[in-house]
Amino acid sequence: MNTETYPTSRLPKFLQHGKLKSFLTVTFTGQLVYVSFEAFKGSLMLPLTESLALAFNSSAF
């Protein structure tokens, strides 16, 4: 029976050597998609509210 103990890294698995590049690629790609969606949604909000005659006011809450 092998009873050797190996030092454990304090970093999470996705930040360990060799995986950081993949993690950052996925993270930044997701952020780019999210920001693009929010910009697209924002550009449609004003024409949509005008065409439906909606008003957003803070006194409604």
Protein backbone atom coordinates (compact mmCIF):
# COMPACT_ATOMS: atom_id res chain seq x y z
CA MET A 1 0.00 0.00 0.00
CA ASN A 2 1.39 3.39 -0.97
CA THR A 3 1.14 5.87 1.87
CA GLU A 4 2.97 8.79 0.27
CA THR A 5 1.29 12.13 0.60
CA TYR A 6 1.54 14.73 -2.11
CA PRO A 7 1.45 18.44 -1.42
CA THR A 8 -1.88 19.89 -2.43
CA SER A 9 -2.06 23.16 -4.23
CA ARG A 10 -4.05 25.94 -2.65
CA LEU A 11 -5.25 27.10 -6.05
CA PRO A 12 -8.54 25.84 -7.47
CA LYS A 13 -8.25 23.24 -10.25
CA PHE A 14 -9.17 25.70 -13.01
CA LEU A 15 -6.34 28.09 -11.98
CA GLN A 16 -3.60 25.48 -11.77
CA HIS A 17 -0.68 25.36 -14.19
CA GLY A 18 -1.77 24.72 -17.77
CA LYS A 19 -5.43 25.55 -17.23
CA LEU A 20 -5.31 29.29 -16.63
CA LYS A 21 -5.22 30.16 -20.33
CA SER A 22 -8.32 28.05 -21.03
CA PHE A 23 -10.15 29.55 -18.07
CA LEU A 24 -9.42 33.12 -19.17
CA THR A 25 -10.42 32.37 -22.77
CA VAL A 26 -13.80 31.01 -21.73
CA THR A 27 -14.35 33.84 -19.23
CA PHE A 28 -13.53 36.66 -21.64
CA THR A 29 -15.54 35.07 -24.46
CA GLY A 30 -18.55 34.85 -22.17
CA GLN A 31 -18.16 38.47 -21.16
CA LEU A 32 -17.94 39.56 -24.79
CA VAL A 33 -21.16 37.71 -25.63
CA TYR A 34 -22.92 39.19 -22.59
CA VAL A 35 -21.85 42.76 -23.34
CA SER A 36 -22.90 42.40 -26.98
CA PHE A 37 -26.33 41.16 -25.92
CA GLU A 38 -26.80 43.99 -23.45
CA ALA A 39 -25.82 46.59 -26.07
CA PHE A 40 -28.25 45.07 -28.58
CA LYS A 41 -31.04 44.92 -26.00
CA GLY A 42 -30.41 48.52 -24.96
CA SER A 43 -30.55 49.79 -28.53
CA LEU A 44 -33.97 48.20 -28.99
CA MET A 45 -35.47 49.34 -25.70
CA LEU A 46 -36.19 52.96 -26.67
CA PRO A 47 -37.95 52.24 -29.99
CA LEU A 48 -39.93 49.45 -28.35
CA THR A 49 -41.12 51.60 -25.45
CA GLU A 50 -42.08 54.42 -27.85
CA SER A 51 -44.02 52.12 -30.17
CA LEU A 52 -45.89 50.52 -27.26
CA ALA A 53 -46.40 53.86 -25.50
CA LEU A 54 -44.76 52.62 -22.32
CA ALA A 55 -43.16 54.85 -19.72
CA PHE A 56 -40.65 53.90 -17.07
CA ASN A 57 -40.86 56.16 -14.06
CA SER A 58 -39.41 55.63 -10.62
CA SER A 59 -42.55 56.77 -8.81
CA ALA A 60 -44.38 53.56 -9.76
CA PHE A 61 -42.54 51.57 -7.10
